[in-house]
């Protein structure tokens, strides 16, 4: 997560996309520019509607925007990046990220990530241990 430039809470890298790039390319670019990380998009978490104060105008007085959220498997953490003078990145557990998250729609995307991630763990454990029954659920482990 990164700090908000308005000073309140933490958020995920986000921004618009250019005409010559896909939404996936834009997501990776924003992660690089704002958080200084490179990686692979591993799962589409969904589209989320949010209100932008900076995009309110006479044509869109509500300033509504649509964000496409992705899970990014980080493969490289850069020592310097384009917005390092205005952004600080933080590595958090999912529960702590939910606590610190500035926007409800980002908290909702974290819920989606948690469910997807749990499914991945269950799926991988079934492949490694075929004795797990299809209707069994893993027991949560607390650190």
C-alpha atoms as a PDB file:
ATOM      1  CA  UNK A   1       0.000   0.000   0.000  1.00  0.00           C
ATOM      2  CA  UNK A   2       1.040   3.613  -0.367  1.00  0.00           C
ATOM      3  CA  UNK A   3       0.308   6.766   1.555  1.00  0.00           C
ATOM      4  CA  UNK A   4      -2.307   9.159   0.274  1.00  0.00           C
ATOM      5  CA  UNK A   5      -0.925  12.463  -0.973  1.00  0.00           C
ATOM      6  CA  UNK A   6      -3.810  14.132   0.878  1.00  0.00           C
ATOM      7  CA  UNK A   7      -2.347  12.687   4.082  1.00  0.00           C
ATOM      8  CA  UNK A   8      -5.270  10.500   5.195  1.00  0.00           C
ATOM      9  CA  UNK A   9      -4.767   6.753   5.416  1.00  0.00           C
ATOM     10  CA  UNK A  10      -3.290   4.294   2.962  1.00  0.00           C
ATOM     11  CA  UNK A  11      -4.442   3.201  -0.465  1.00  0.00           C
ATOM     12  CA  UNK A  12      -3.467   1.051  -3.404  1.00  0.00           C
ATOM     13  CA  UNK A  13      -1.771   2.492  -6.483  1.00  0.00           C
ATOM     14  CA  UNK A  14      -4.424   3.717  -8.878  1.00  0.00           C
ATOM     15  CA  UNK A  15      -4.860   6.084 -11.765  1.00  0.00           C
ATOM     16  CA  UNK A  16      -6.132   6.426 -15.281  1.00  0.00           C
ATOM     17  CA  UNK A  17      -4.909   4.608 -18.318  1.00  0.00           C
ATOM     18  CA  UNK A  18      -3.527   6.016 -21.509  1.00  0.00           C
ATOM     19  CA  UNK A  19      -5.207   5.527 -24.898  1.00  0.00           C
ATOM     20  CA  UNK A  20      -2.367   3.295 -26.085  1.00  0.00           C
ATOM     21  CA  UNK A  21      -2.420   0.827 -23.162  1.00  0.00           C
ATOM     22  CA  UNK A  22      -4.720  -1.817 -21.755  1.00  0.00           C
ATOM     23  CA  UNK A  23      -6.176  -1.574 -18.269  1.00  0.00           C
ATOM     24  CA  UNK A  24      -3.741  -4.332 -17.231  1.00  0.00           C
ATOM     25  CA  UNK A  25      -0.765  -2.364 -18.554  1.00  0.00           C
ATOM     26  CA  UNK A  26      -2.055   0.730 -16.735  1.00  0.00           C
ATOM     27  CA  UNK A  27      -2.311  -1.200 -13.454  1.00  0.00           C
ATOM     28  CA  UNK A  28       1.298  -2.362 -13.748  1.00  0.00           C
ATOM     29  CA  UNK A  29       2.465   1.143 -14.704  1.00  0.00           C
ATOM     30  CA  UNK A  30       0.684   2.731 -11.726  1.00  0.00           C
ATOM     31  CA  UNK A  31       2.248   0.158  -9.366  1.00  0.00           C
ATOM     32  CA  UNK A  32       5.667   1.066 -10.746  1.00  0.00           C
ATOM     33  CA  UNK A  33       5.149   4.850 -10.680  1.00  0.00           C
ATOM     34  CA  UNK A  34       3.424   5.141  -7.299  1.00  0.00           C
ATOM     35  CA  UNK A  35       4.782   2.198  -5.267  1.00  0.00           C
ATOM     36  CA  UNK A  36       8.040   1.376  -7.024  1.00  0.00           C
ATOM     37  CA  UNK A  37       7.218  -2.279  -7.615  1.00  0.00           C
ATOM     38  CA  UNK A  38       7.134  -4.524 -10.667  1.00  0.00           C
ATOM     39  CA  UNK A  39       5.269  -7.769 -10.910  1.00  0.00           C
ATOM     40  CA  UNK A  40       2.712  -9.975 -12.590  1.00  0.00           C
ATOM     41  CA  UNK A  41      -1.030  -9.506 -12.432  1.00  0.00           C
ATOM     42  CA  UNK A  42      -2.334 -12.801 -11.103  1.00  0.00           C
ATOM     43  CA  UNK A  43      -6.042 -12.150 -10.620  1.00  0.00           C
ATOM     44  CA  UNK A  44      -8.689  -9.594 -11.587  1.00  0.00           C
ATOM     45  CA  UNK A  45     -10.478  -8.625  -8.352  1.00  0.00           C
ATOM     46  CA  UNK A  46     -13.274  -6.668  -9.994  1.00  0.00           C
ATOM     47  CA  UNK A  47     -14.451  -3.217 -11.008  1.00  0.00           C
ATOM     48  CA  UNK A  48     -15.271  -0.727  -8.280  1.00  0.00           C
ATOM     49  CA  UNK A  49     -17.088   2.601  -8.576  1.00  0.00           C
ATOM     50  CA  UNK A  50     -15.795   5.483  -6.486  1.00  0.00           C
ATOM     51  CA  UNK A  51     -16.195   9.230  -6.248  1.00  0.00           C
ATOM     52  CA  UNK A  52     -13.255  11.414  -7.259  1.00  0.00           C
ATOM     53  CA  UNK A  53     -13.084  14.979  -5.988  1.00  0.00           C
ATOM     54  CA  UNK A  54     -10.561  15.904  -8.675  1.00  0.00           C
ATOM     55  CA  UNK A  55     -12.762  14.661 -11.543  1.00  0.00           C
ATOM     56  CA  UNK A  56     -15.951  16.495 -10.599  1.00  0.00           C
ATOM     57  CA  UNK A  57     -16.944  18.937 -13.305  1.00  0.00           C
ATOM     58  CA  UNK A  58     -19.999  20.223 -15.160  1.00  0.00           C
ATOM     59  CA  UNK A  59     -20.186  17.028 -17.254  1.00  0.00           C
ATOM     60  CA  UNK A  60     -19.830  14.686 -14.279  1.00  0.00           C
ATOM     61  CA  UNK A  61     -20.869  16.533 -11.107  1.00  0.00           C
ATOM     62  CA  UNK A  62     -20.705  13.341  -9.041  1.00  0.00           C
ATOM     63  CA  UNK A  63     -17.123  12.677 -10.192  1.00  0.00           C
ATOM     64  CA  UNK A  64     -17.789   8.949 -10.467  1.00  0.00           C
ATOM     65  CA  UNK A  65     -14.929   6.753 -11.655  1.00  0.00           C
ATOM     66  CA  UNK A  66     -14.478   3.037 -12.241  1.00  0.00           C
ATOM     67  CA  UNK A  67     -11.374   1.295 -10.922  1.00  0.00           C
ATOM     68  CA  UNK A  68     -10.262  -2.133 -12.112  1.00  0.00           C
ATOM     69  CA  UNK A  69      -8.488  -3.854  -9.218  1.00  0.00           C
ATOM     70  CA  UNK A  70      -5.905  -6.607  -9.690  1.00  0.00           C
ATOM     71  CA  UNK A  71      -3.806  -8.788  -7.413  1.00  0.00           C
ATOM     72  CA  UNK A  72      -0.151  -8.158  -8.269  1.00  0.00           C
ATOM     73  CA  UNK A  73       2.526 -10.720  -7.459  1.00  0.00           C
ATOM     74  CA  UNK A  74       5.489  -8.446  -6.778  1.00  0.00           C
ATOM     75  CA  UNK A  75       8.707  -9.683  -8.364  1.00  0.00           C
ATOM     76  CA  UNK A  76      10.855  -6.583  -7.897  1.00  0.00           C
ATOM     77  CA  UNK A  77      10.958  -3.779  -5.335  1.00  0.00           C
ATOM     78  CA  UNK A  78      12.774  -0.722  -6.675  1.00  0.00           C
ATOM     79  CA  UNK A  79      15.050   1.460  -4.562  1.00  0.00           C
ATOM     80  CA  UNK A  80      14.008   4.526  -6.532  1.00  0.00           C
ATOM     81  CA  UNK A  81      10.827   5.179  -8.484  1.00  0.00           C
ATOM     82  CA  UNK A  82       9.036   8.125 -10.109  1.00  0.00           C
ATOM     83  CA  UNK A  83       6.852   9.164  -7.129  1.00  0.00           C
ATOM     84  CA  UNK A  84       9.163   8.260  -4.254  1.00  0.00           C
ATOM     85  CA  UNK A  85       9.319  11.888  -3.123  1.00  0.00           C
ATOM     86  CA  UNK A  86       5.549  12.002  -2.540  1.00  0.00           C
ATOM     87  CA  UNK A  87       4.712   8.325  -1.886  1.00  0.00           C
ATOM     88  CA  UNK A  88       5.818   5.944   0.815  1.00  0.00           C
ATOM     89  CA  UNK A  89       5.095   2.245   0.353  1.00  0.00           C
ATOM     90  CA  UNK A  90       4.124  -0.038   3.218  1.00  0.00           C
ATOM     91  CA  UNK A  91       3.953  -3.830   3.336  1.00  0.00           C
ATOM     92  CA  UNK A  92       1.030  -4.965   5.476  1.00  0.00           C
ATOM     93  CA  UNK A  93      -0.893  -8.091   6.332  1.00  0.00           C
ATOM     94  CA  UNK A  94      -4.405  -8.219   4.863  1.00  0.00           C
ATOM     95  CA  UNK A  95      -6.103  -7.552   8.237  1.00  0.00           C
ATOM     96  CA  UNK A  96      -3.824  -4.552   8.894  1.00  0.00           C
ATOM     97  CA  UNK A  97      -4.388  -3.282   5.325  1.00  0.00           C
ATOM     98  CA  UNK A  98      -8.169  -3.388   5.877  1.00  0.00           C
ATOM     99  CA  UNK A  99      -7.687  -1.389   9.057  1.00  0.00           C
ATOM    100  CA  UNK A 100      -5.530   1.275   7.387  1.00  0.00           C
ATOM    101  CA  UNK A 101      -7.354   1.432   4.070  1.00  0.00           C
ATOM    102  CA  UNK A 102      -8.747   4.866   3.269  1.00  0.00           C
ATOM    103  CA  UNK A 103     -11.670   3.811   1.070  1.00  0.00           C
ATOM    104  CA  UNK A 104     -14.483   1.266   1.618  1.00  0.00           C
ATOM    105  CA  UNK A 105     -14.277   0.095  -2.013  1.00  0.00           C
ATOM    106  CA  UNK A 106     -10.600  -0.774  -1.489  1.00  0.00           C
ATOM    107  CA  UNK A 107     -11.530  -2.678   1.688  1.00  0.00           C
ATOM    108  CA  UNK A 108     -14.084  -4.576  -0.410  1.00  0.00           C
ATOM    109  CA  UNK A 109     -11.397  -5.468  -2.959  1.00  0.00           C
ATOM    110  CA  UNK A 110      -9.243  -6.775  -0.083  1.00  0.00           C
ATOM    111  CA  UNK A 111     -12.136  -9.048   0.898  1.00  0.00           C
ATOM    112  CA  UNK A 112     -12.210 -10.320  -2.683  1.00  0.00           C
ATOM    113  CA  UNK A 113      -8.457 -10.866  -2.606  1.00  0.00           C
ATOM    114  CA  UNK A 114      -8.703 -12.763   0.704  1.00  0.00           C
ATOM    115  CA  UNK A 115     -11.348 -15.113  -0.715  1.00  0.00           C
ATOM    116  CA  UNK A 116      -9.381 -15.668  -3.915  1.00  0.00           C
ATOM    117  CA  UNK A 117      -6.155 -16.273  -1.987  1.00  0.00           C
ATOM    118  CA  UNK A 118      -7.851 -18.778   0.357  1.00  0.00           C
ATOM    119  CA  UNK A 119      -9.226 -20.616  -2.686  1.00  0.00           C
ATOM    120  CA  UNK A 120      -5.728 -20.748  -4.189  1.00  0.00           C
ATOM    121  CA  UNK A 121      -4.265 -22.198  -1.004  1.00  0.00           C
ATOM    122  CA  UNK A 122      -7.039 -24.780  -0.776  1.00  0.00           C
ATOM    123  CA  UNK A 123      -6.661 -25.676  -4.454  1.00  0.00           C
ATOM    124  CA  UNK A 124      -2.879 -26.064  -4.127  1.00  0.00           C
ATOM    125  CA  UNK A 125      -3.177 -28.159  -0.975  1.00  0.00           C
ATOM    126  CA  UNK A 126      -5.675 -30.482  -2.718  1.00  0.00           C
ATOM    127  CA  UNK A 127      -3.201 -30.982  -5.559  1.00  0.00           C
ATOM    128  CA  UNK A 128      -0.398 -31.741  -3.090  1.00  0.00           C
ATOM    129  CA  UNK A 129      -2.589 -33.869  -0.793  1.00  0.00           C
ATOM    130  CA  UNK A 130      -5.376 -35.650  -2.688  1.00  0.00           C
ATOM    131  CA  UNK A 131      -6.849 -36.979   0.593  1.00  0.00           C
ATOM    132  CA  UNK A 132      -8.470 -33.607   1.361  1.00  0.00           C
ATOM    133  CA  UNK A 133     -12.204 -33.929   0.851  1.00  0.00           C
ATOM    134  CA  UNK A 134     -13.913 -31.440  -1.494  1.00  0.00           C
ATOM    135  CA  UNK A 135     -16.235 -30.148   1.243  1.00  0.00           C
ATOM    136  CA  UNK A 136     -13.537 -29.681   3.891  1.00  0.00           C
ATOM    137  CA  UNK A 137     -12.346 -26.185   4.726  1.00  0.00           C
ATOM    138  CA  UNK A 138      -8.962 -25.221   6.098  1.00  0.00           C
ATOM    139  CA  UNK A 139      -8.702 -24.188   9.730  1.00  0.00           C
ATOM    140  CA  UNK A 140      -7.535 -20.582  10.095  1.00  0.00           C
ATOM    141  CA  UNK A 141      -4.091 -20.267  11.669  1.00  0.00           C
ATOM    142  CA  UNK A 142      -3.290 -17.206  13.725  1.00  0.00           C
ATOM    143  CA  UNK A 143       0.264 -15.919  14.111  1.00  0.00           C
END
